[in-house]
């Protein structure tokens, strides 16, 4: 079962595509660029449509989704952690 999607090898987050992801759950992701899979253990409950860190992201680093810069981390984000408004902000303001 695929739990999250990653479009590009340089992405640092994937998007959850199933309901009910719980902390501690082993997740399988599909890397669309090369049709490979990756495994990540969820550190938090994560709602469908939200982001999951697939790589460690340090505070102030750029977060990449779908191959594009979507903002910066405002705190360190661990692999498997929910990446959302509490730890990720736009660079626009």
N, C-alpha and C. Protein backbone atom coordinates (compact mmCIF):
# COMPACT_ATOMS: atom_id res chain seq x y z
N UNK A 1 0.84 -1.18 0.00
CA UNK A 1 0.00 0.00 0.00
C UNK A 1 0.89 1.25 0.00
N UNK A 2 0.54 2.22 -0.80
CA UNK A 2 1.24 3.49 -0.86
C UNK A 2 0.55 4.47 0.09
N UNK A 3 1.33 5.05 1.02
CA UNK A 3 0.81 5.99 2.01
C UNK A 3 1.09 7.45 1.67
N UNK A 4 2.19 7.68 0.93
CA UNK A 4 2.55 9.05 0.56
C UNK A 4 3.22 9.09 -0.80
N UNK A 5 3.15 10.27 -1.44
CA UNK A 5 3.76 10.48 -2.76
C UNK A 5 4.88 11.50 -2.68
N UNK A 6 5.94 11.22 -3.41
CA UNK A 6 7.06 12.14 -3.58
C UNK A 6 7.27 12.25 -5.09
N UNK A 7 7.26 13.47 -5.61
CA UNK A 7 7.37 13.65 -7.06
C UNK A 7 8.80 13.62 -7.58
N UNK A 8 9.71 14.25 -6.86
CA UNK A 8 11.05 14.52 -7.36
C UNK A 8 12.09 14.05 -6.35
N UNK A 9 13.21 13.55 -6.82
CA UNK A 9 14.27 13.06 -5.92
C UNK A 9 14.77 14.13 -4.96
N UNK A 10 14.70 15.41 -5.36
CA UNK A 10 15.19 16.47 -4.48
C UNK A 10 14.14 16.93 -3.46
N UNK A 11 12.93 16.39 -3.52
CA UNK A 11 11.89 16.75 -2.55
C UNK A 11 12.33 16.35 -1.14
N UNK A 12 12.00 17.19 -0.18
CA UNK A 12 12.30 16.88 1.23
C UNK A 12 11.04 16.49 2.00
N UNK A 13 9.89 16.60 1.34
CA UNK A 13 8.62 16.18 1.93
C UNK A 13 7.81 15.39 0.90
N UNK A 14 6.94 14.55 1.41
CA UNK A 14 5.97 13.83 0.59
C UNK A 14 4.58 14.17 1.09
N UNK A 15 3.57 13.83 0.31
CA UNK A 15 2.18 14.14 0.66
C UNK A 15 1.45 12.85 1.01
N UNK A 16 0.83 12.86 2.17
CA UNK A 16 0.06 11.71 2.64
C UNK A 16 -1.19 11.56 1.77
N UNK A 17 -1.45 10.33 1.29
CA UNK A 17 -2.58 10.10 0.38
C UNK A 17 -3.60 9.09 0.93
N UNK A 18 -3.50 8.78 2.21
CA UNK A 18 -4.46 7.87 2.86
C UNK A 18 -4.94 8.49 4.16
N UNK A 19 -6.10 8.08 4.59
CA UNK A 19 -6.65 8.51 5.87
C UNK A 19 -6.03 7.70 7.01
N UNK A 20 -5.94 8.34 8.17
CA UNK A 20 -5.64 7.61 9.40
C UNK A 20 -4.19 7.28 9.67
N UNK A 21 -3.23 8.05 9.16
CA UNK A 21 -1.82 7.79 9.48
C UNK A 21 -1.59 8.12 10.96
N UNK A 22 -1.01 7.17 11.67
CA UNK A 22 -0.79 7.30 13.11
C UNK A 22 0.71 7.29 13.43
N UNK A 23 1.07 7.98 14.50
CA UNK A 23 2.45 7.98 14.97
C UNK A 23 2.92 6.55 15.19
N UNK A 24 4.13 6.26 14.75
CA UNK A 24 4.70 4.93 14.91
C UNK A 24 4.45 4.00 13.74
N UNK A 25 3.57 4.40 12.84
CA UNK A 25 3.23 3.58 11.69
C UNK A 25 4.35 3.59 10.65
N UNK A 26 4.67 2.44 10.10
CA UNK A 26 5.64 2.33 9.00
C UNK A 26 4.91 2.67 7.71
N UNK A 27 5.42 3.66 6.98
CA UNK A 27 4.76 4.13 5.77
C UNK A 27 5.60 3.81 4.54
N UNK A 28 4.91 3.56 3.45
CA UNK A 28 5.57 3.35 2.16
C UNK A 28 5.22 4.50 1.25
N UNK A 29 6.25 5.07 0.64
CA UNK A 29 6.06 6.17 -0.29
C UNK A 29 6.46 5.78 -1.69
N UNK A 30 5.85 6.44 -2.67
CA UNK A 30 6.17 6.21 -4.07
C UNK A 30 6.90 7.43 -4.60
N UNK A 31 8.13 7.25 -5.04
CA UNK A 31 8.91 8.31 -5.67
C UNK A 31 8.62 8.24 -7.17
N UNK A 32 7.80 9.18 -7.63
CA UNK A 32 7.29 9.13 -8.99
C UNK A 32 8.37 9.31 -10.05
N UNK A 33 9.40 10.10 -9.74
CA UNK A 33 10.44 10.40 -10.73
C UNK A 33 11.10 9.14 -11.30
N UNK A 34 11.36 8.16 -10.43
CA UNK A 34 12.02 6.95 -10.92
C UNK A 34 11.24 5.66 -10.59
N UNK A 35 10.00 5.82 -10.18
CA UNK A 35 9.11 4.70 -9.88
C UNK A 35 9.68 3.77 -8.80
N UNK A 36 10.34 4.37 -7.81
CA UNK A 36 10.87 3.58 -6.69
C UNK A 36 9.99 3.82 -5.46
N UNK A 37 10.26 3.07 -4.41
CA UNK A 37 9.54 3.27 -3.15
C UNK A 37 10.54 3.60 -2.05
N UNK A 38 10.02 4.22 -0.99
CA UNK A 38 10.82 4.50 0.18
C UNK A 38 9.98 4.25 1.42
N UNK A 39 10.66 3.96 2.52
CA UNK A 39 10.00 3.67 3.79
C UNK A 39 10.34 4.75 4.80
N UNK A 40 9.32 5.19 5.53
CA UNK A 40 9.49 6.20 6.58
C UNK A 40 8.56 5.83 7.73
N UNK A 41 9.03 5.97 8.96
CA UNK A 41 8.19 5.75 10.14
C UNK A 41 7.60 7.09 10.55
N UNK A 42 6.29 7.18 10.63
CA UNK A 42 5.60 8.41 11.02
C UNK A 42 5.89 8.71 12.49
N UNK A 43 6.30 9.94 12.77
CA UNK A 43 6.54 10.36 14.15
C UNK A 43 5.31 11.01 14.79
N UNK A 44 4.35 11.38 13.95
CA UNK A 44 3.11 12.03 14.42
C UNK A 44 1.93 11.45 13.66
N UNK A 45 0.73 11.65 14.17
CA UNK A 45 -0.47 11.43 13.37
C UNK A 45 -0.44 12.49 12.27
N UNK A 46 -0.75 12.10 11.03
CA UNK A 46 -0.70 13.05 9.92
C UNK A 46 -1.96 12.90 9.08
N UNK A 47 -2.73 13.97 8.92
CA UNK A 47 -3.96 13.90 8.11
C UNK A 47 -3.67 13.74 6.61
N UNK A 48 -4.61 13.19 5.90
CA UNK A 48 -4.52 13.07 4.45
C UNK A 48 -4.32 14.46 3.85
N UNK A 49 -3.45 14.53 2.85
CA UNK A 49 -3.17 15.80 2.17
C UNK A 49 -2.08 16.63 2.82
N UNK A 50 -1.64 16.24 4.02
CA UNK A 50 -0.58 16.98 4.71
C UNK A 50 0.78 16.39 4.35
N UNK A 51 1.82 17.10 4.73
CA UNK A 51 3.18 16.73 4.36
C UNK A 51 3.89 15.94 5.46
N UNK A 52 4.77 15.05 5.00
CA UNK A 52 5.61 14.20 5.83
C UNK A 52 7.05 14.47 5.42
N UNK A 53 7.92 14.74 6.39
CA UNK A 53 9.34 14.95 6.05
C UNK A 53 9.97 13.61 5.67
N UNK A 54 10.59 13.58 4.50
CA UNK A 54 11.25 12.37 4.03
C UNK A 54 12.77 12.46 4.22
N UNK A 55 13.22 13.65 4.60
CA UNK A 55 14.62 13.90 4.91
C UNK A 55 14.65 14.82 6.13
N UNK A 56 15.74 14.79 6.87
CA UNK A 56 15.89 15.73 7.98
C UNK A 56 16.03 17.13 7.39
N UNK A 57 15.29 18.08 7.96
CA UNK A 57 15.31 19.47 7.49
C UNK A 57 15.69 20.34 8.68
N UNK A 58 16.76 21.07 8.55
CA UNK A 58 17.23 21.95 9.63
C UNK A 58 16.48 23.28 9.61
N UNK A 59 16.40 23.92 10.77
CA UNK A 59 15.79 25.23 10.88
C UNK A 59 16.40 26.16 9.83
N UNK A 60 15.56 26.92 9.17
CA UNK A 60 15.90 27.89 8.12
C UNK A 60 16.24 27.27 6.77
N UNK A 61 16.25 25.95 6.66
CA UNK A 61 16.48 25.34 5.35
C UNK A 61 15.21 25.41 4.50
N UNK A 62 15.41 25.38 3.20
CA UNK A 62 14.31 25.38 2.25
C UNK A 62 13.63 24.00 2.23
N UNK A 63 12.31 24.01 2.16
CA UNK A 63 11.53 22.78 2.06
C UNK A 63 11.11 22.65 0.59
N UNK A 64 11.34 21.46 0.02
CA UNK A 64 11.05 21.21 -1.39
C UNK A 64 9.91 20.20 -1.51
N UNK A 65 8.89 20.57 -2.29
CA UNK A 65 7.74 19.71 -2.57
C UNK A 65 7.44 19.82 -4.06
N UNK A 66 7.22 18.69 -4.72
CA UNK A 66 6.97 18.66 -6.18
C UNK A 66 8.11 19.32 -6.95
N UNK A 67 9.33 19.29 -6.39
CA UNK A 67 10.47 19.88 -7.05
C UNK A 67 10.61 21.38 -6.89
N UNK A 68 9.73 21.99 -6.06
CA UNK A 68 9.73 23.44 -5.90
C UNK A 68 9.89 23.86 -4.44
N UNK A 69 10.48 25.01 -4.25
CA UNK A 69 10.64 25.66 -2.94
C UNK A 69 9.25 26.07 -2.45
N UNK A 70 8.83 25.51 -1.31
CA UNK A 70 7.51 25.89 -0.77
C UNK A 70 7.63 26.68 0.53
N UNK A 71 8.86 26.98 0.95
CA UNK A 71 9.04 27.77 2.17
C UNK A 71 10.28 27.34 2.92
N UNK A 72 10.34 27.76 4.19
CA UNK A 72 11.50 27.44 5.02
C UNK A 72 11.02 26.83 6.33
N UNK A 73 11.87 25.98 6.86
CA UNK A 73 11.58 25.37 8.17
C UNK A 73 11.83 26.41 9.25
N UNK A 74 10.91 26.55 10.18
CA UNK A 74 11.10 27.48 11.30
C UNK A 74 11.60 26.75 12.55
N UNK A 75 11.74 25.45 12.43
CA UNK A 75 12.36 24.62 13.46
C UNK A 75 12.91 23.38 12.75
N UNK A 76 13.76 22.64 13.42
CA UNK A 76 14.23 21.38 12.84
C UNK A 76 13.04 20.45 12.63
N UNK A 77 13.05 19.74 11.52
CA UNK A 77 11.99 18.78 11.20
C UNK A 77 12.67 17.43 10.98
N UNK A 78 12.29 16.45 11.77
CA UNK A 78 12.89 15.12 11.68
C UNK A 78 12.24 14.31 10.57
N UNK A 79 12.97 13.33 10.06
CA UNK A 79 12.40 12.38 9.11
C UNK A 79 11.20 11.72 9.75
N UNK A 80 10.07 11.72 9.06
CA UNK A 80 8.85 11.11 9.58
C UNK A 80 7.94 12.07 10.31
N UNK A 81 8.38 13.29 10.49
CA UNK A 81 7.59 14.29 11.22
C UNK A 81 6.59 14.99 10.29
N UNK A 82 5.48 15.38 10.85
CA UNK A 82 4.46 16.17 10.16
C UNK A 82 5.04 17.54 9.84
N UNK A 83 5.05 17.93 8.58
CA UNK A 83 5.53 19.25 8.16
C UNK A 83 4.32 20.08 7.78
N UNK A 84 4.07 21.13 8.56
CA UNK A 84 2.86 21.94 8.36
C UNK A 84 3.12 23.33 8.93
N UNK A 85 2.08 24.09 9.18
CA UNK A 85 2.20 25.50 9.59
C UNK A 85 2.93 25.70 10.92
N UNK A 86 3.04 24.67 11.74
CA UNK A 86 3.73 24.80 13.03
C UNK A 86 5.26 24.76 12.88
N UNK A 87 5.77 24.25 11.75
CA UNK A 87 7.21 24.17 11.57
C UNK A 87 7.68 24.57 10.17
N UNK A 88 6.79 25.15 9.38
CA UNK A 88 7.08 25.53 8.01
C UNK A 88 6.34 26.83 7.68
N UNK A 89 7.05 27.79 7.13
CA UNK A 89 6.45 29.08 6.78
C UNK A 89 6.85 29.48 5.37
N UNK A 90 6.03 30.28 4.75
CA UNK A 90 6.34 30.84 3.44
C UNK A 90 7.53 31.79 3.56
N UNK A 91 8.24 32.01 2.48
CA UNK A 91 9.33 32.98 2.46
C UNK A 91 8.82 34.35 2.02
N UNK A 92 7.57 34.45 1.68
CA UNK A 92 7.02 35.70 1.16
C UNK A 92 6.93 36.81 2.18
N UNK A 93 6.69 36.45 3.44
CA UNK A 93 6.61 37.46 4.51
C UNK A 93 6.93 36.85 5.84
